[in-house]
Amino acid sequence: MAEQHTPRSLIVTFYGAYGRSFGGPVPVSALVRLLGAAGVDAPSVRSSVSRLKRRGFLLPARAADGSAGYELSAEARRLLDDGDRRIYGDRGAGTPQAPGEWLLAVFSVPEQERHKRHLLRSRLARLGFGAVAPGVWIAPAHVEQETGHTLERLHLTAYVELFRGAHLGFAPTAEAVARWWDLAALAKAHEEFLDLHEPVLRALQQGAEPTPEEAYRNYLRALDSWRRLPYADPGLPRELLPSDWPGDRAAAVFGELHARLRDVGAQFVEP
């Protein structure tokens, strides 16, 4: 199976993994070198950086050596900080959660602003919410803070009410969860991650010591694949999922890749 990594996605992943600790704005020349090691050519790096600048994710700034560079905007930094809690924390995809509280988002958007309705639905889906009914979406309660940050950032709070509570009936909660989320699609996404990145881990476990560049490249690609999963699968309670749920193994594989590769790869990143 071939893995697809877009230049823009890899740049965002790079800033999430290494860019925040770079010691200032990242020079354009360093971005070209570091993304080149991940298979992205220089024109693609420059065009993708330009798009991220137009979106307000990156800001032009002078690097420590006086050359042209880019730093994260305050909004982008907050977005990545929120993402850390999902990607690296105890609430990531495949992490068992105790059943109990849920976060309910109830929204209503006037017809003349229906473009905001589409934006709201798409962002809730990207945060890992499942659809209960039109205008009613649900997620594990631990995504509350990130949901609030996202709705505030997009100026959508006027259309949404958030509630926390328990599922009281009438179908068993496991049956309801299977309606609210496409569990088969989520399981397939976990399995695809395993197909692509578990062989890398096996090679490491067998004693293959990576060079800093190899560690950097393998880590960046694994993180670029993994970081989407804790959003599609927001850490649903384990006892509500099928017994053969592959998210447990996928989370364990990413965790070990992170431990083995991240810091070694940082040696390649250092200017």
Protein backbone atom coordinates (compact mmCIF):
# COMPACT_ATOMS: atom_id res chain seq x y z
CA MET A 1 0.00 0.00 0.00
CA ALA A 2 1.44 3.38 -0.98
CA GLU A 3 1.14 6.17 1.54
CA GLN A 4 0.16 9.65 0.47
CA HIS A 5 1.66 12.64 2.30
CA THR A 6 0.84 16.07 0.90
CA PRO A 7 3.51 18.77 1.18
CA ARG A 8 1.20 21.05 3.16
CA SER A 9 0.32 18.28 5.62
CA LEU A 10 3.99 17.39 6.12
CA ILE A 11 4.86 21.03 6.82
CA VAL A 12 2.14 21.25 9.48
CA THR A 13 3.39 17.94 10.92
CA PHE A 14 6.97 19.24 10.94
CA TYR A 15 5.99 22.35 12.90
CA GLY A 16 4.02 20.20 15.32
CA ALA A 17 6.91 17.79 15.87
CA TYR A 18 9.97 20.03 15.69
CA GLY A 19 9.19 23.58 14.56
CA ARG A 20 8.02 24.87 17.94
CA SER A 21 11.36 24.00 19.54
CA PHE A 22 13.51 25.31 16.69
CA GLY A 23 14.64 28.35 18.65
CA GLY A 24 12.92 30.99 16.54
CA PRO A 25 11.53 31.25 13.02
CA VAL A 26 12.51 28.36 10.75
CA PRO A 27 14.61 29.59 7.79
CA VAL A 28 13.18 28.82 4.37
CA SER A 29 16.43 27.04 3.52
CA ALA A 30 15.95 24.73 6.52
CA LEU A 31 12.37 23.98 5.51
CA VAL A 32 13.56 23.05 2.02
CA ARG A 33 16.27 20.77 3.44
CA LEU A 34 14.06 19.12 6.06
CA LEU A 35 11.03 18.59 3.85
CA GLY A 36 13.34 17.43 1.06
CA ALA A 37 14.47 14.61 3.35
CA ALA A 38 10.82 13.55 3.54
CA GLY A 39 10.47 13.53 -0.25
CA VAL A 40 9.06 17.02 -0.91
CA ASP A 41 10.81 19.07 -3.61
CA ALA A 42 11.71 22.73 -3.09
CA PRO A 43 8.98 24.25 -5.34
CA SER A 44 6.32 22.26 -3.47
CA VAL A 45 7.69 23.44 -0.13
CA ARG A 46 7.62 27.08 -1.21
CA SER A 47 4.11 26.93 -2.70
CA SER A 48 2.74 25.08 0.33
CA VAL A 49 4.33 27.58 2.72
CA SER A 50 2.70 30.39 0.71
CA ARG A 51 -0.71 28.74 1.09
CA LEU A 52 -0.20 28.27 4.82
CA LYS A 53 0.80 31.94 5.06
CA ARG A 54 -2.40 33.01 3.29
CA ARG A 55 -4.42 30.90 5.72
CA GLY A 56 -2.75 32.62 8.67
CA PHE A 57 -1.01 29.46 9.90
CA LEU A 58 2.51 30.75 9.22
CA LEU A 59 3.88 34.27 9.52
CA PRO A 60 6.97 35.60 7.69
CA ALA A 61 9.81 36.47 10.07
CA ARG A 62 13.57 36.81 10.08
CA ALA A 63 15.46 33.76 11.33
CA ALA A 64 18.30 34.04 13.84
CA ASP A 65 20.84 34.31 11.02
CA GLY A 66 18.88 37.14 9.39
CA SER A 67 17.56 35.02 6.53
CA ALA A 68 13.92 34.77 5.51
CA GLY A 69 11.91 32.35 7.59
CA TYR A 70 8.48 31.48 8.97
CA GLU A 71 7.05 31.17 12.45
CA LEU A 72 3.70 29.93 13.71
CA SER A 73 0.90 32.39 14.24
CA ALA A 74 -0.61 32.52 17.74
CA GLU A 75 -3.70 30.75 16.40
CA ALA A 76 -1.60 28.00 14.80
CA ARG A 77 0.36 27.49 18.01
CA ARG A 78 -2.85 27.13 19.98
CA LEU A 79 -4.16 24.68 17.38
CA LEU A 80 -1.01 22.56 17.70
CA ASP A 81 -1.07 22.76 21.49
CA ASP A 82 -4.66 21.48 21.45
CA GLY A 83 -3.58 18.73 19.08
CA ASP A 84 -0.80 17.61 21.43
CA ARG A 85 -3.35 16.50 24.00
CA ARG A 86 -4.94 14.20 21.45
CA ILE A 87 -1.88 13.01 19.56
CA TYR A 88 0.51 12.42 22.45
CA GLY A 89 -1.68 12.47 25.54
CA ASP A 90 -3.79 9.93 27.35
CA ARG A 91 -6.88 10.80 25.32
CA GLY A 92 -5.61 9.69 21.91
CA ALA A 93 -7.24 7.29 19.49
CA GLY A 94 -7.34 3.74 20.75
CA THR A 95 -6.78 4.83 24.37
CA PRO A 96 -9.33 3.14 26.66
CA GLN A 97 -11.72 5.57 28.32
CA ALA A 98 -14.08 5.01 31.22
CA PRO A 99 -17.72 5.23 30.11
CA GLY A 100 -19.68 8.07 31.60
CA GLU A 101 -19.95 11.66 30.54
CA TRP A 102 -20.52 12.78 26.99
CA LEU A 103 -20.31 16.21 25.40
CA LEU A 104 -23.40 17.20 23.42
CA ALA A 105 -23.30 19.98 20.82
CA VAL A 106 -26.73 21.31 19.83
CA PHE A 107 -26.74 23.91 17.09
CA SER A 108 -29.08 25.94 14.94
CA VAL A 109 -27.95 28.14 12.06
CA PRO A 110 -30.30 30.47 10.14
CA GLU A 111 -30.92 29.49 6.53
CA GLN A 112 -29.35 32.72 5.26
CA GLU A 113 -26.11 31.66 6.95
CA ARG A 114 -26.17 28.04 5.83
CA HIS A 115 -22.47 28.21 4.84
CA LYS A 116 -21.76 28.42 8.56
CA ARG A 117 -23.89 25.32 9.09
CA HIS A 118 -21.64 23.40 6.73
CA LEU A 119 -18.53 24.78 8.45
CA LEU A 120 -19.90 23.84 11.86
CA ARG A 121 -20.73 20.29 10.82
CA SER A 122 -17.35 19.75 9.17
CA ARG A 123 -15.43 21.06 12.20
CA LEU A 124 -17.43 18.96 14.65
CA ALA A 125 -16.72 15.91 12.48
CA ARG A 126 -13.02 16.79 12.43
CA LEU A 127 -13.07 17.05 16.22
CA GLY A 128 -14.38 13.49 16.37
CA PHE A 129 -18.07 14.14 17.03
CA GLY A 130 -20.66 11.64 15.90
CA ALA A 131 -24.07 12.67 14.58
CA VAL A 132 -27.05 11.77 16.79
CA ALA A 133 -29.69 13.73 14.85
CA PRO A 134 -29.83 16.87 12.69
CA GLY A 135 -28.27 19.64 14.77
CA VAL A 136 -27.30 17.25 17.59
CA TRP A 137 -23.73 15.87 17.75
CA ILE A 138 -21.95 13.92 20.48
CA ALA A 139 -18.38 13.20 21.61
CA PRO A 140 -16.59 11.94 24.72
CA ALA A 141 -16.63 14.72 27.32
CA HIS A 142 -12.84 15.09 27.38
CA VAL A 143 -12.89 17.00 24.06
CA GLU A 144 -14.75 19.91 25.68
CA GLN A 145 -11.83 22.33 25.96
CA GLU A 146 -10.62 21.80 22.40
CA THR A 147 -14.18 22.09 21.09
CA GLY A 148 -14.59 25.41 22.86
CA HIS A 149 -11.30 26.70 21.45
CA THR A 150 -12.30 25.67 17.92
CA LEU A 151 -15.76 27.24 18.06
CA GLU A 152 -14.32 30.47 19.47
CA ARG A 153 -11.59 30.59 16.82
CA LEU A 154 -14.17 30.19 14.03
CA HIS A 155 -16.65 32.64 15.62
CA LEU A 156 -19.37 29.97 15.78
CA THR A 157 -20.26 30.10 19.49
CA ALA A 158 -23.44 32.08 18.82
CA TYR A 159 -24.96 29.07 17.06
CA VAL A 160 -24.04 26.29 19.49
CA GLU A 161 -24.95 25.14 22.99
CA LEU A 162 -22.73 22.58 24.73
CA PHE A 163 -23.95 20.14 27.40
CA ARG A 164 -22.30 17.39 29.43
CA GLY A 165 -24.21 14.34 30.61
CA ALA A 166 -24.81 10.60 30.54
CA HIS A 167 -26.55 8.46 27.95
CA LEU A 168 -29.70 7.20 29.67
CA GLY A 169 -31.41 5.24 26.92
CA PHE A 170 -33.15 3.74 25.32
CA ALA A 171 -30.83 1.60 23.20
CA PRO A 172 -27.73 0.15 24.88
CA THR A 173 -24.91 2.67 24.65
CA ALA A 174 -22.73 0.33 22.57
CA GLU A 175 -25.49 0.06 19.97
CA ALA A 176 -25.96 3.82 19.96
CA VAL A 177 -22.20 4.44 19.51
CA ALA A 178 -22.24 2.14 16.47
CA ARG A 179 -24.90 4.43 14.95
CA TRP A 180 -23.20 7.69 15.85
CA TRP A 181 -19.79 6.70 14.44
CA ASP A 182 -18.79 4.61 11.41
CA LEU A 183 -16.80 2.08 13.42
CA ALA A 184 -15.94 -0.04 10.37
CA ALA A 185 -14.30 2.96 8.67
CA LEU A 186 -12.43 3.88 11.85
CA ALA A 187 -11.16 0.30 12.25
CA LYS A 188 -9.97 0.32 8.63
CA ALA A 189 -8.05 3.56 9.22
CA HIS A 190 -6.28 2.02 12.22
CA GLU A 191 -5.45 -1.11 10.19
CA GLU A 192 -4.02 0.97 7.34
CA PHE A 193 -1.79 2.79 9.81
CA LEU A 194 -0.57 -0.55 11.14
CA ASP A 195 0.07 -1.92 7.64
CA LEU A 196 2.28 1.05 6.84
CA HIS A 197 4.14 1.68 10.08
CA GLU A 198 4.25 -1.53 12.10
CA PRO A 199 6.97 -2.94 9.78
CA VAL A 200 9.14 0.09 10.65
CA LEU A 201 8.73 -0.69 14.33
CA ARG A 202 9.53 -4.37 13.82
CA ALA A 203 12.79 -3.45 12.09
CA LEU A 204 13.71 -1.20 15.01
CA GLN A 205 12.87 -3.93 17.51
CA GLN A 206 15.15 -6.32 15.64
CA GLY A 207 18.08 -4.03 16.32
CA ALA A 208 18.23 -1.82 13.25
CA GLU A 209 19.69 1.47 14.49
CA PRO A 210 18.46 4.35 12.32
CA THR A 211 20.59 7.30 11.38
CA PRO A 212 19.22 10.68 12.54
CA GLU A 213 17.95 11.34 9.01
CA GLU A 214 16.21 7.94 8.80
CA ALA A 215 14.69 8.44 12.25
CA TYR A 216 13.48 11.92 11.28
CA ARG A 217 11.96 10.74 7.99
CA ASN A 218 10.21 7.70 9.51
CA TYR A 219 8.93 9.69 12.47
CA LEU A 220 7.60 12.55 10.35
CA ARG A 221 5.73 10.12 8.09
CA ALA A 222 4.34 8.11 11.01
CA LEU A 223 3.18 11.26 12.80
CA ASP A 224 1.65 12.64 9.61
CA SER A 225 -0.42 9.45 9.31
CA TRP A 226 -1.21 9.11 13.01
CA ARG A 227 -2.27 12.65 13.86
CA ARG A 228 -5.56 12.30 11.99
CA LEU A 229 -6.64 9.18 13.88
CA PRO A 230 -7.19 10.72 17.33
CA TYR A 231 -9.65 13.09 15.66
CA ALA A 232 -11.56 10.53 13.61
CA ASP A 233 -11.58 8.25 16.69
CA PRO A 234 -11.72 10.64 19.67
CA GLY A 235 -10.93 8.02 22.32
CA LEU A 236 -14.26 6.23 22.55
CA PRO A 237 -14.71 4.13 25.71
CA ARG A 238 -13.04 0.77 25.08
CA GLU A 239 -15.94 -1.28 26.46
CA LEU A 240 -18.24 0.25 23.85
CA LEU A 241 -16.05 -0.93 20.94
CA PRO A 242 -15.69 -4.35 19.27
CA SER A 243 -13.45 -6.82 21.12
CA ASP A 244 -10.94 -6.94 18.24
CA TRP A 245 -10.63 -3.15 18.00
CA PRO A 246 -7.33 -2.35 16.18
CA GLY A 247 -7.01 1.10 17.71
CA ASP A 248 -5.32 -0.35 20.78
CA ARG A 249 -2.47 -1.80 18.71
CA ALA A 250 -2.21 1.27 16.50
CA ALA A 251 -1.84 3.53 19.54
CA ALA A 252 0.83 1.24 20.99
CA VAL A 253 2.78 1.17 17.70
CA PHE A 254 2.74 4.96 17.39
CA GLY A 255 3.72 5.35 21.03
CA GLU A 256 6.78 3.16 20.59
CA LEU A 257 7.75 4.82 17.29
CA HIS A 258 7.53 8.18 19.04
CA ALA A 259 9.76 6.97 21.88
CA ARG A 260 12.34 5.42 19.55
CA LEU A 261 12.47 7.99 16.73
CA ARG A 262 11.45 11.47 17.80
CA ASP A 263 14.55 12.49 19.74
CA VAL A 264 16.97 10.74 17.38
CA GLY A 265 15.33 12.56 14.47
CA ALA A 266 15.77 15.87 16.30
CA GLN A 267 19.54 15.50 15.75
CA PHE A 268 18.93 15.79 12.00
CA VAL A 269 16.69 18.83 12.47
CA GLU A 270 19.18 20.82 14.52
CA PRO A 271 20.85 23.51 12.39
